[in-house]
Amino acid sequence: LVEKFGIDPNNAFAFWDWVGGRYSVCSAVGVLPLSLQYGFSVVEKFLKGASSIDQHFQSTPFEKNIPVLLGLLSVWNVSFLGYPARAILPYSQALEKFAPHIQQVSMESNGK
């Protein structure tokens, strides 16, 4: 399929379809391109930040828990205020792919 798309198969990074987290930025597959692009020292800081919010979620009471509050806010906006969607409006051409990325992150966070 890579070749049909116009990419030399020798330049493809293959992995099995059973590999978990294929679309998660924090998975081994997701973090590899980030490491190649930015270097592992930057990616290590990114992963420490992700770990930090995971620890916050696990250890913080719900009334002060940022992910829980954001989730409840989303339910409130959809269910009670009738706002069925969020708008993410990039203010620069460099951010044109930001909205689809955030949509993917949101789906990952909500278990797809």
Protein backbone atom coordinates (compact mmCIF):
# COMPACT_ATOMS: atom_id res chain seq x y z
CA LEU A 1 0.00 0.00 0.00
CA VAL A 2 2.91 2.34 0.66
CA GLU A 3 4.11 1.90 -2.91
CA LYS A 4 0.62 2.59 -4.28
CA PHE A 5 0.69 5.82 -2.29
CA GLY A 6 3.91 6.80 -4.05
CA ILE A 7 6.44 6.03 -1.32
CA ASP A 8 9.41 3.73 -1.88
CA PRO A 9 8.77 0.64 0.30
CA ASN A 10 12.41 0.82 1.43
CA ASN A 11 11.50 4.09 3.18
CA ALA A 12 8.50 2.62 5.01
CA PHE A 13 8.56 1.82 8.71
CA ALA A 14 6.49 -1.36 9.02
CA PHE A 15 4.86 -2.77 12.11
CA TRP A 16 2.17 -5.36 12.74
CA ASP A 17 -1.49 -4.37 12.94
CA TRP A 18 -1.72 -5.96 16.40
CA VAL A 19 0.74 -3.44 17.87
CA GLY A 20 -1.19 -1.48 20.47
CA GLY A 21 -1.25 2.30 20.55
CA ARG A 22 -0.51 2.73 16.86
CA TYR A 23 -2.26 6.10 16.87
CA SER A 24 -1.18 7.26 20.31
CA VAL A 25 1.59 9.84 20.40
CA CYS A 26 2.94 8.30 23.62
CA SER A 27 3.23 4.78 22.21
CA ALA A 28 6.48 3.33 20.88
CA VAL A 29 5.18 3.78 17.34
CA GLY A 30 3.94 7.33 17.96
CA VAL A 31 7.03 8.51 19.79
CA LEU A 32 9.51 7.21 17.20
CA PRO A 33 8.86 9.93 14.58
CA LEU A 34 8.92 12.60 17.29
CA SER A 35 12.29 11.29 18.48
CA LEU A 36 13.67 11.32 14.97
CA GLN A 37 12.41 14.84 14.32
CA TYR A 38 13.16 16.56 17.63
CA GLY A 39 15.65 14.31 19.41
CA PHE A 40 15.03 12.13 22.40
CA SER A 41 15.87 14.80 24.98
CA VAL A 42 12.82 16.80 23.82
CA VAL A 43 10.63 13.70 23.60
CA GLU A 44 11.71 12.65 27.09
CA LYS A 45 10.41 15.98 28.46
CA PHE A 46 7.17 15.44 26.53
CA LEU A 47 6.74 11.94 28.01
CA LYS A 48 7.49 13.24 31.52
CA GLY A 49 4.71 15.80 31.03
CA ALA A 50 2.30 13.06 29.92
CA SER A 51 3.28 10.98 32.95
CA SER A 52 2.76 13.98 35.20
CA ILE A 53 -0.84 14.48 34.05
CA ASP A 54 -1.48 10.73 34.39
CA GLN A 55 -0.26 10.89 38.00
CA HIS A 56 -2.38 14.01 38.60
CA PHE A 57 -5.46 12.18 37.28
CA GLN A 58 -4.82 9.15 39.48
CA SER A 59 -4.06 11.00 42.69
CA THR A 60 -6.09 14.23 42.69
CA PRO A 61 -9.62 14.42 44.14
CA PHE A 62 -12.28 14.90 41.46
CA GLU A 63 -13.11 18.46 42.52
CA LYS A 64 -9.53 19.52 41.67
CA ASN A 65 -8.80 16.97 38.94
CA ILE A 66 -8.16 18.78 35.64
CA PRO A 67 -8.98 15.90 33.22
CA VAL A 68 -12.14 15.07 35.17
CA LEU A 69 -13.24 18.71 35.23
CA LEU A 70 -12.58 19.10 31.49
CA GLY A 71 -14.57 15.94 30.78
CA LEU A 72 -17.48 17.15 32.92
CA LEU A 73 -17.33 20.55 31.23
CA SER A 74 -17.60 18.83 27.85
CA VAL A 75 -20.62 16.81 29.01
CA TRP A 76 -22.20 19.98 30.43
CA ASN A 77 -21.68 21.94 27.20
CA VAL A 78 -23.17 19.17 25.04
CA SER A 79 -25.95 17.88 27.31
CA PHE A 80 -27.16 20.98 29.10
CA LEU A 81 -26.11 23.94 26.98
CA GLY A 82 -26.76 22.21 23.65
CA TYR A 83 -23.33 22.86 22.12
CA PRO A 84 -22.74 19.69 20.07
CA ALA A 85 -19.25 20.59 18.90
CA ARG A 86 -16.10 22.50 19.73
CA ALA A 87 -14.44 24.98 17.41
CA ILE A 88 -10.68 25.00 17.12
CA LEU A 89 -9.65 27.90 14.94
CA PRO A 90 -6.00 28.00 13.90
CA TYR A 91 -4.70 31.54 13.68
CA SER A 92 -1.72 30.64 11.49
CA GLN A 93 -1.15 28.51 8.38
CA ALA A 94 1.47 26.57 10.33
CA LEU A 95 -1.36 25.29 12.57
CA GLU A 96 -3.61 24.04 9.76
CA LYS A 97 -3.27 20.41 10.92
CA PHE A 98 -3.84 21.30 14.58
CA ALA A 99 -7.63 20.83 14.62
CA PRO A 100 -7.54 17.27 13.17
CA HIS A 101 -4.73 16.45 15.61
CA ILE A 102 -6.79 17.66 18.57
CA GLN A 103 -9.77 15.65 17.29
CA GLN A 104 -7.57 12.52 17.28
CA VAL A 105 -6.28 13.30 20.78
CA SER A 106 -9.85 13.75 22.00
CA MET A 107 -10.92 10.43 20.50
CA GLU A 108 -7.93 8.70 22.13
CA SER A 109 -8.77 10.26 25.48
CA ASN A 110 -12.38 9.12 25.22
CA GLY A 111 -11.50 5.59 24.21
CA LYS A 112 -12.49 6.20 20.57
